Amino acid sequence: AARDAGAYAALVSPEFRGEAADLGLPLLVSSANPVALGKLACDINADPSSCVAIFAIAGDDDDEIHANVLRLADFLHMLGNPVGVISDAGSTSLQRELSLQYPLNIADVQHALSVCAEDGAAAVVIALNSATLAKNALQSVSIDVLGVEQTQNESNSGAGSDS
């Protein structure tokens, strides 16, 4: 079935290597842990996060995360950088919309970054929220700049405030 669907290879765990030998496809043998899958997806996609600057935006409020992702992407574009965006509010590679299913998994993120790199993006801005990314989705992604939006209450309760 995989070969009929156009698969070039099959990913199998080490314990199923013998059983999968009859598939007639090259086998990628890997354990199913997130670190190994991240490394594999990264290698298959030619390590796209090493080719572009990766900016990641986190926070408490998804609306603020989305707004900050767009602000940063617009700012980077204004400075002359071709930019990609990965966000459940809309992902783009330069000006082209990407059709993605959210939340993105490890392979989805590596593929989206690869598309952005191939299109000529100099930077990609990623929304760090659960609607955009599944658990472990950023395995083997090198983040260059991390921005975190704090709510007003959190920023006032930190150490060093005058009492």
N, C-alpha and C. Protein backbone atom coordinates (compact mmCIF):
# COMPACT_ATOMS: atom_id res chain seq x y z
N ALA A 1 0.82 -1.20 0.00
CA ALA A 1 0.00 0.00 0.00
C ALA A 1 0.86 1.26 0.00
N ALA A 2 1.94 1.24 0.78
CA ALA A 2 2.82 2.42 0.84
C ALA A 2 3.48 2.66 -0.50
N ARG A 3 3.96 1.61 -1.13
CA ARG A 3 4.61 1.76 -2.42
C ARG A 3 3.61 2.25 -3.47
N ASP A 4 2.39 1.74 -3.44
CA ASP A 4 1.35 2.17 -4.38
C ASP A 4 1.00 3.64 -4.20
N ALA A 5 1.16 4.13 -2.99
CA ALA A 5 0.88 5.54 -2.71
C ALA A 5 2.05 6.44 -3.06
N GLY A 6 3.16 5.85 -3.53
CA GLY A 6 4.30 6.66 -3.96
C GLY A 6 5.42 6.76 -2.95
N ALA A 7 5.41 5.92 -1.91
CA ALA A 7 6.46 5.98 -0.89
C ALA A 7 7.80 5.57 -1.48
N TYR A 8 8.85 6.27 -1.09
CA TYR A 8 10.21 5.95 -1.51
C TYR A 8 10.89 5.01 -0.54
N ALA A 9 10.45 5.04 0.72
CA ALA A 9 11.05 4.23 1.78
C ALA A 9 10.03 4.04 2.88
N ALA A 10 10.34 3.12 3.79
CA ALA A 10 9.46 2.88 4.93
C ALA A 10 10.26 3.07 6.22
N LEU A 11 9.66 3.75 7.17
CA LEU A 11 10.26 3.95 8.49
C LEU A 11 9.77 2.82 9.39
N VAL A 12 10.69 2.05 9.92
CA VAL A 12 10.33 0.94 10.79
C VAL A 12 11.20 0.97 12.04
N SER A 13 10.66 0.46 13.12
CA SER A 13 11.45 0.35 14.35
C SER A 13 12.37 -0.86 14.22
N PRO A 14 13.46 -0.88 14.98
CA PRO A 14 14.42 -1.99 14.86
C PRO A 14 13.79 -3.36 15.04
N GLU A 15 12.80 -3.48 15.92
CA GLU A 15 12.20 -4.79 16.17
C GLU A 15 11.36 -5.31 14.99
N PHE A 16 10.96 -4.44 14.06
CA PHE A 16 10.16 -4.87 12.90
C PHE A 16 10.97 -4.90 11.60
N ARG A 17 12.27 -4.74 11.71
CA ARG A 17 13.12 -4.70 10.52
C ARG A 17 12.99 -5.98 9.69
N GLY A 18 13.04 -7.13 10.34
CA GLY A 18 12.95 -8.40 9.62
C GLY A 18 11.62 -8.57 8.91
N GLU A 19 10.54 -8.23 9.58
CA GLU A 19 9.21 -8.37 8.99
C GLU A 19 9.00 -7.42 7.82
N ALA A 20 9.64 -6.25 7.87
CA ALA A 20 9.44 -5.24 6.83
C ALA A 20 10.34 -5.45 5.62
N ALA A 21 11.26 -6.39 5.70
CA ALA A 21 12.20 -6.62 4.60
C ALA A 21 11.49 -7.01 3.30
N ASP A 22 10.29 -7.58 3.39
CA ASP A 22 9.56 -8.02 2.20
C ASP A 22 8.79 -6.89 1.50
N LEU A 23 8.83 -5.69 2.03
CA LEU A 23 8.03 -4.59 1.46
C LEU A 23 8.51 -4.17 0.07
N GLY A 24 9.75 -4.44 -0.25
CA GLY A 24 10.27 -4.02 -1.54
C GLY A 24 10.61 -2.54 -1.58
N LEU A 25 10.77 -1.94 -0.41
CA LEU A 25 11.15 -0.53 -0.29
C LEU A 25 12.41 -0.44 0.55
N PRO A 26 13.23 0.58 0.32
CA PRO A 26 14.33 0.81 1.25
C PRO A 26 13.76 1.08 2.65
N LEU A 27 14.45 0.60 3.67
CA LEU A 27 13.98 0.77 5.04
C LEU A 27 14.82 1.80 5.77
N LEU A 28 14.14 2.69 6.48
CA LEU A 28 14.77 3.61 7.42
C LEU A 28 14.49 3.03 8.79
N VAL A 29 15.51 2.53 9.44
CA VAL A 29 15.34 1.88 10.73
C VAL A 29 15.68 2.89 11.81
N SER A 30 14.71 3.16 12.67
CA SER A 30 14.90 4.14 13.74
C SER A 30 13.96 3.84 14.88
N SER A 31 14.42 4.15 16.08
CA SER A 31 13.52 4.03 17.22
C SER A 31 12.52 5.17 17.14
N ALA A 32 11.40 5.00 17.79
CA ALA A 32 10.31 5.97 17.67
C ALA A 32 10.39 7.08 18.71
N ASN A 33 11.54 7.29 19.35
CA ASN A 33 11.59 8.37 20.33
C ASN A 33 11.71 9.71 19.62
N PRO A 34 11.22 10.78 20.25
CA PRO A 34 11.19 12.10 19.59
C PRO A 34 12.56 12.62 19.16
N VAL A 35 13.59 12.35 19.93
CA VAL A 35 14.93 12.83 19.55
C VAL A 35 15.38 12.17 18.25
N ALA A 36 15.22 10.85 18.16
CA ALA A 36 15.62 10.13 16.95
C ALA A 36 14.77 10.55 15.75
N LEU A 37 13.46 10.71 15.95
CA LEU A 37 12.59 11.15 14.85
C LEU A 37 12.94 12.57 14.41
N GLY A 38 13.25 13.43 15.37
CA GLY A 38 13.65 14.80 15.04
C GLY A 38 14.92 14.83 14.22
N LYS A 39 15.90 14.04 14.62
CA LYS A 39 17.16 13.99 13.88
C LYS A 39 16.94 13.44 12.47
N LEU A 40 16.12 12.39 12.37
CA LEU A 40 15.82 11.80 11.07
C LEU A 40 15.11 12.80 10.16
N ALA A 41 14.07 13.47 10.68
CA ALA A 41 13.33 14.46 9.88
C ALA A 41 14.24 15.62 9.49
N CYS A 42 15.10 16.02 10.40
CA CYS A 42 16.05 17.10 10.11
C CYS A 42 17.00 16.69 8.98
N ASP A 43 17.54 15.48 9.06
CA ASP A 43 18.46 15.00 8.04
C ASP A 43 17.78 14.85 6.68
N ILE A 44 16.56 14.31 6.68
CA ILE A 44 15.82 14.12 5.43
C ILE A 44 15.57 15.46 4.73
N ASN A 45 15.34 16.50 5.53
CA ASN A 45 15.03 17.82 4.97
C ASN A 45 16.25 18.72 4.87
N ALA A 46 17.45 18.16 5.02
CA ALA A 46 18.72 18.89 4.86
C ALA A 46 18.91 19.99 5.91
N ASP A 47 18.49 19.72 7.14
CA ASP A 47 18.70 20.62 8.28
C ASP A 47 18.31 22.07 7.96
N PRO A 48 17.03 22.30 7.66
CA PRO A 48 16.61 23.64 7.22
C PRO A 48 16.83 24.75 8.24
N SER A 49 16.79 24.45 9.54
CA SER A 49 16.96 25.52 10.52
C SER A 49 18.39 26.03 10.57
N SER A 50 19.33 25.33 9.92
CA SER A 50 20.70 25.84 9.84
C SER A 50 20.86 26.81 8.67
N CYS A 51 19.87 26.87 7.80
CA CYS A 51 19.94 27.71 6.59
C CYS A 51 19.21 29.04 6.74
N VAL A 52 18.35 29.15 7.73
CA VAL A 52 17.57 30.37 7.94
C VAL A 52 17.65 30.76 9.42
N ALA A 53 17.41 32.02 9.71
CA ALA A 53 17.33 32.47 11.11
C ALA A 53 15.95 32.10 11.64
N ILE A 54 15.91 31.42 12.77
CA ILE A 54 14.65 30.98 13.36
C ILE A 54 14.33 31.85 14.56
N PHE A 55 13.18 32.53 14.49
CA PHE A 55 12.66 33.34 15.59
C PHE A 55 11.43 32.62 16.13
N ALA A 56 11.33 32.49 17.44
CA ALA A 56 10.18 31.81 18.05
C ALA A 56 9.54 32.75 19.06
N ILE A 57 8.22 32.84 19.03
CA ILE A 57 7.47 33.73 19.91
C ILE A 57 6.57 32.91 20.82
N ALA A 58 6.74 33.10 22.13
CA ALA A 58 5.93 32.40 23.13
C ALA A 58 5.17 33.42 23.96
N GLY A 59 4.22 32.95 24.74
CA GLY A 59 3.46 33.83 25.62
C GLY A 59 2.29 33.11 26.23
N ASP A 60 1.50 33.86 26.99
CA ASP A 60 0.35 33.30 27.69
C ASP A 60 -0.93 33.35 26.87
N ASP A 61 -0.99 34.25 25.91
CA ASP A 61 -2.22 34.51 25.17
C ASP A 61 -1.99 34.26 23.69
N ASP A 62 -2.76 33.34 23.10
CA ASP A 62 -2.58 33.02 21.68
C ASP A 62 -2.76 34.22 20.77
N ASP A 63 -3.71 35.10 21.09
CA ASP A 63 -3.91 36.29 20.26
C ASP A 63 -2.68 37.19 20.27
N GLU A 64 -2.05 37.33 21.43
CA GLU A 64 -0.83 38.13 21.53
C GLU A 64 0.33 37.46 20.79
N ILE A 65 0.42 36.14 20.91
CA ILE A 65 1.46 35.41 20.18
C ILE A 65 1.29 35.65 18.68
N HIS A 66 0.07 35.48 18.17
CA HIS A 66 -0.19 35.69 16.74
C HIS A 66 0.16 37.11 16.32
N ALA A 67 -0.24 38.09 17.13
CA ALA A 67 0.04 39.49 16.80
C ALA A 67 1.55 39.75 16.79
N ASN A 68 2.26 39.21 17.77
CA ASN A 68 3.71 39.42 17.84
C ASN A 68 4.45 38.71 16.71
N VAL A 69 3.96 37.55 16.31
CA VAL A 69 4.55 36.85 15.16
C VAL A 69 4.43 37.72 13.91
N LEU A 70 3.25 38.27 13.68
CA LEU A 70 3.05 39.13 12.51
C LEU A 70 3.87 40.41 12.59
N ARG A 71 3.94 41.02 13.79
CA ARG A 71 4.75 42.24 13.96
C ARG A 71 6.21 41.97 13.63
N LEU A 72 6.74 40.88 14.18
CA LEU A 72 8.14 40.55 13.94
C LEU A 72 8.38 40.22 12.47
N ALA A 73 7.49 39.44 11.86
CA ALA A 73 7.64 39.10 10.45
C ALA A 73 7.61 40.36 9.58
N ASP A 74 6.69 41.27 9.88
CA ASP A 74 6.61 42.53 9.13
C ASP A 74 7.88 43.36 9.31
N PHE A 75 8.40 43.40 10.54
CA PHE A 75 9.62 44.16 10.82
C PHE A 75 10.80 43.57 10.06
N LEU A 76 10.96 42.26 10.12
CA LEU A 76 12.06 41.62 9.40
C LEU A 76 11.93 41.84 7.90
N HIS A 77 10.71 41.78 7.38
CA HIS A 77 10.47 42.03 5.96
C HIS A 77 10.81 43.47 5.60
N MET A 78 10.44 44.41 6.47
CA MET A 78 10.73 45.82 6.25
C MET A 78 12.25 46.05 6.17
N LEU A 79 13.02 45.25 6.91
CA LEU A 79 14.47 45.36 6.87
C LEU A 79 15.08 44.69 5.64
N GLY A 80 14.23 44.10 4.81
CA GLY A 80 14.70 43.51 3.56
C GLY A 80 14.89 42.00 3.59
N ASN A 81 14.42 41.37 4.64
CA ASN A 81 14.57 39.92 4.74
C ASN A 81 13.35 39.20 4.18
N PRO A 82 13.54 38.23 3.30
CA PRO A 82 12.43 37.37 2.92
C PRO A 82 12.07 36.49 4.13
N VAL A 83 10.78 36.44 4.48
CA VAL A 83 10.37 35.83 5.75
C VAL A 83 9.30 34.77 5.54
N GLY A 84 9.41 33.70 6.33
CA GLY A 84 8.36 32.70 6.43
C GLY A 84 7.73 32.78 7.81
N VAL A 85 6.49 32.33 7.92
CA VAL A 85 5.76 32.33 9.19
C VAL A 85 5.14 30.95 9.38
N ILE A 86 5.30 30.40 10.58
CA ILE A 86 4.63 29.15 10.94
C ILE A 86 3.75 29.45 12.14
N SER A 87 2.43 29.45 11.89
CA SER A 87 1.45 29.79 12.92
C SER A 87 0.10 29.20 12.54
N ASP A 88 -0.64 28.75 13.54
CA ASP A 88 -1.98 28.22 13.25
C ASP A 88 -2.91 29.31 12.73
N ALA A 89 -2.53 30.58 12.89
CA ALA A 89 -3.32 31.69 12.36
C ALA A 89 -3.04 31.92 10.88
N GLY A 90 -2.10 31.18 10.33
CA GLY A 90 -1.76 31.30 8.92
C GLY A 90 -0.26 31.19 8.71
N SER A 91 0.16 30.20 7.96
CA SER A 91 1.58 30.00 7.68
C SER A 91 1.88 30.41 6.25
N THR A 92 3.04 31.04 6.08
CA THR A 92 3.44 31.51 4.75
C THR A 92 4.92 31.24 4.52
N SER A 93 5.27 31.08 3.27
CA SER A 93 6.65 31.07 2.84
C SER A 93 6.78 32.23 1.88
N LEU A 94 7.47 33.26 2.32
CA LEU A 94 7.50 34.54 1.62
C LEU A 94 6.05 35.02 1.53
N GLN A 95 5.50 35.21 0.36
CA GLN A 95 4.11 35.67 0.26
C GLN A 95 3.13 34.53 -0.03
N ARG A 96 3.64 33.31 -0.14
CA ARG A 96 2.81 32.15 -0.50
C ARG A 96 2.25 31.48 0.76
N GLU A 97 0.94 31.25 0.74
CA GLU A 97 0.31 30.56 1.87
C GLU A 97 0.68 29.08 1.84
N LEU A 98 0.95 28.54 3.03
CA LEU A 98 1.24 27.11 3.16
C LEU A 98 -0.01 26.41 3.69
N SER A 99 -0.36 25.32 3.07
CA SER A 99 -1.52 24.55 3.50
C SER A 99 -1.03 23.48 4.48
N LEU A 100 -1.24 23.72 5.76
CA LEU A 100 -0.75 22.83 6.81
C LEU A 100 -1.89 22.39 7.71
N GLN A 101 -1.75 21.22 8.31
CA GLN A 101 -2.71 20.70 9.28
C GLN A 101 -2.12 20.89 10.68
N TYR A 102 -2.82 21.59 11.53
CA TYR A 102 -2.32 21.91 12.88
C TYR A 102 -2.96 21.02 13.92
N PRO A 103 -2.26 20.77 15.02
CA PRO A 103 -0.89 21.19 15.34
C PRO A 103 0.12 20.38 14.54
N LEU A 104 1.24 21.02 14.25
CA LEU A 104 2.28 20.41 13.44
C LEU A 104 3.11 19.44 14.27
N ASN A 105 3.50 18.32 13.66
CA ASN A 105 4.38 17.38 14.34
C ASN A 105 5.83 17.61 13.91
N ILE A 106 6.72 16.74 14.34
CA ILE A 106 8.15 16.89 14.04
C ILE A 106 8.40 16.98 12.54
N ALA A 107 7.85 16.04 11.78
CA ALA A 107 8.09 16.01 10.33
C ALA A 107 7.47 17.22 9.64
N ASP A 108 6.28 17.65 10.09
CA ASP A 108 5.61 18.81 9.50
C ASP A 108 6.46 20.07 9.64
N VAL A 109 7.03 20.28 10.83
CA VAL A 109 7.83 21.49 11.07
C VAL A 109 9.08 21.47 10.19
N GLN A 110 9.77 20.34 10.15
CA GLN A 110 10.98 20.26 9.32
C GLN A 110 10.65 20.49 7.85
N HIS A 111 9.52 19.94 7.39
CA HIS A 111 9.12 20.14 5.99
C HIS A 111 8.78 21.61 5.72
N ALA A 112 8.02 22.23 6.61
CA ALA A 112 7.66 23.65 6.43
C ALA A 112 8.91 24.52 6.41
N LEU A 113 9.86 24.25 7.30
CA LEU A 113 11.12 25.01 7.30
C LEU A 113 11.90 24.78 6.01
N SER A 114 11.88 23.56 5.52
CA SER A 114 12.56 23.24 4.27
C SER A 114 11.95 23.99 3.09
N VAL A 115 10.62 24.07 3.06
CA VAL A 115 9.93 24.82 2.00
C VAL A 115 10.35 26.29 2.06
N CYS A 116 10.36 26.87 3.25
CA CYS A 116 10.76 28.27 3.40
C CYS A 116 12.20 28.48 2.94
N ALA A 117 13.09 27.58 3.33
CA ALA A 117 14.50 27.70 2.92
C ALA A 117 14.63 27.58 1.40
N GLU A 118 13.93 26.63 0.80
CA GLU A 118 13.98 26.45 -0.66
C GLU A 118 13.41 27.66 -1.40
N ASP A 119 12.41 28.31 -0.80
CA ASP A 119 11.82 29.50 -1.42
C ASP A 119 12.71 30.73 -1.29
N GLY A 120 13.76 30.65 -0.46
CA GLY A 120 14.68 31.77 -0.31
C GLY A 120 14.47 32.61 0.93
N ALA A 121 13.72 32.10 1.90
CA ALA A 121 13.53 32.87 3.14
C ALA A 121 14.86 33.01 3.87
N ALA A 122 15.07 34.18 4.45
CA ALA A 122 16.24 34.41 5.29
C ALA A 122 15.91 34.16 6.75
N ALA A 123 14.61 34.23 7.07
CA ALA A 123 14.16 34.05 8.46
C ALA A 123 12.79 33.39 8.46
N VAL A 124 12.51 32.67 9.55
CA VAL A 124 11.19 32.09 9.77
C VAL A 124 10.79 32.42 11.20
N VAL A 125 9.56 32.90 11.36
CA VAL A 125 9.02 33.23 12.68
C VAL A 125 7.99 32.17 13.03
N ILE A 126 8.16 31.54 14.20
CA ILE A 126 7.29 30.44 14.63
C ILE A 126 6.50 30.84 15.86
N ALA A 127 5.19 30.58 15.83
CA ALA A 127 4.33 30.78 17.00
C ALA A 127 4.48 29.57 17.91
N LEU A 128 4.89 29.80 19.14
CA LEU A 128 5.05 28.71 20.11
C LEU A 128 3.79 28.59 20.94
N ASN A 129 2.79 27.93 20.39
CA ASN A 129 1.56 27.66 21.14
C ASN A 129 1.07 26.27 20.77
N SER A 130 0.21 25.72 21.61
CA SER A 130 -0.23 24.33 21.41
C SER A 130 -1.12 24.17 20.19
N ALA A 131 -1.73 25.24 19.71
CA ALA A 131 -2.55 25.14 18.50
C ALA A 131 -1.66 25.02 17.25
N THR A 132 -0.46 25.56 17.31
CA THR A 132 0.46 25.50 16.18
C THR A 132 1.33 24.25 16.21
N LEU A 133 1.86 23.92 17.38
CA LEU A 133 2.85 22.85 17.48
C LEU A 133 2.41 21.74 18.43
N ALA A 134 2.56 20.51 17.99
CA ALA A 134 2.34 19.35 18.87
C ALA A 134 3.56 19.20 19.77
N LYS A 135 3.41 18.38 20.80
CA LYS A 135 4.52 18.11 21.71
C LYS A 135 5.71 17.57 20.92
N ASN A 136 6.89 18.06 21.23
CA ASN A 136 8.16 17.65 20.61
C ASN A 136 8.32 18.09 19.16
N ALA A 137 7.46 18.95 18.66
CA ALA A 137 7.51 19.34 17.25
C ALA A 137 8.81 20.06 16.87
N LEU A 138 9.48 20.65 17.84
CA LEU A 138 10.70 21.39 17.53
C LEU A 138 11.98 20.59 17.76
N GLN A 139 11.86 19.26 17.83
CA GLN A 139 13.06 18.43 17.94
C GLN A 139 13.97 18.69 16.74
N SER A 140 15.24 18.94 17.00
CA SER A 140 16.27 19.19 15.98
C SER A 140 16.07 20.49 15.22
N VAL A 141 15.28 21.41 15.77
CA VAL A 141 15.16 22.76 15.20
C VAL A 141 16.02 23.68 16.05
N SER A 142 16.94 24.38 15.41
CA SER A 142 17.81 25.33 16.12
C SER A 142 17.14 26.69 16.13
N ILE A 143 16.75 27.14 17.32
CA ILE A 143 16.10 28.45 17.45
C ILE A 143 17.18 29.49 17.75
N ASP A 144 17.22 30.54 16.93
CA ASP A 144 18.22 31.58 17.09
C ASP A 144 17.78 32.65 18.09
N VAL A 145 16.51 33.03 18.05
CA VAL A 145 16.00 34.09 18.93
C VAL A 145 14.65 33.64 19.49
N LEU A 146 14.52 33.71 20.81
CA LEU A 146 13.27 33.36 21.49
C LEU A 146 12.71 34.60 22.15
N GLY A 147 11.47 34.93 21.83
CA GLY A 147 10.79 36.06 22.46
C GLY A 147 9.63 35.55 23.29
N VAL A 148 9.49 36.09 24.51
CA VAL A 148 8.42 35.67 25.41
C VAL A 148 7.66 36.90 25.87
N GLU A 149 6.34 36.87 25.68
CA GLU A 149 5.46 37.95 26.13
C GLU A 149 4.98 37.61 27.52
N GLN A 150 5.23 38.50 28.48
CA GLN A 150 4.74 38.29 29.84
C GLN A 150 3.51 39.15 30.07
N THR A 151 2.58 38.59 30.85
CA THR A 151 1.43 39.40 31.24
C THR A 151 1.88 40.44 32.25
N GLN A 152 1.10 41.48 32.42
CA GLN A 152 1.46 42.57 33.32
C GLN A 152 1.65 42.07 34.75
N ASN A 153 0.80 41.15 35.21
CA ASN A 153 0.91 40.64 36.58
C ASN A 153 2.22 39.91 36.80
N GLU A 154 2.67 39.12 35.82
CA GLU A 154 3.92 38.39 35.96
C GLU A 154 5.11 39.33 36.00
N SER A 155 5.10 40.36 35.17
CA SER A 155 6.25 41.25 35.12
C SER A 155 6.35 42.11 36.37
N ASN A 156 5.24 42.36 37.07
CA ASN A 156 5.28 43.15 38.30
C ASN A 156 5.63 42.33 39.52
N SER A 157 5.51 41.01 39.46
CA SER A 157 5.75 40.18 40.64
C SER A 157 7.16 39.62 40.68
N GLY A 158 8.01 39.99 39.74
CA GLY A 158 9.36 39.44 39.67
C GLY A 158 10.28 40.01 40.72
N ALA A 159 11.44 39.39 40.85
CA ALA A 159 12.45 39.85 41.81
C ALA A 159 12.96 41.21 41.38
N GLY A 160 13.41 41.97 42.33
CA GLY A 160 13.97 43.27 42.05
C GLY A 160 12.96 44.40 42.04
N SER A 161 11.70 44.10 42.28
CA SER A 161 10.71 45.18 42.30
C SER A 161 10.76 45.86 43.66
N ASP A 162 10.53 47.15 43.66
CA ASP A 162 10.53 47.92 44.91
C ASP A 162 9.26 47.64 45.69
N SER A 163 9.39 47.46 47.00
CA SER A 163 8.24 47.21 47.85
C SER A 163 8.05 48.35 48.81
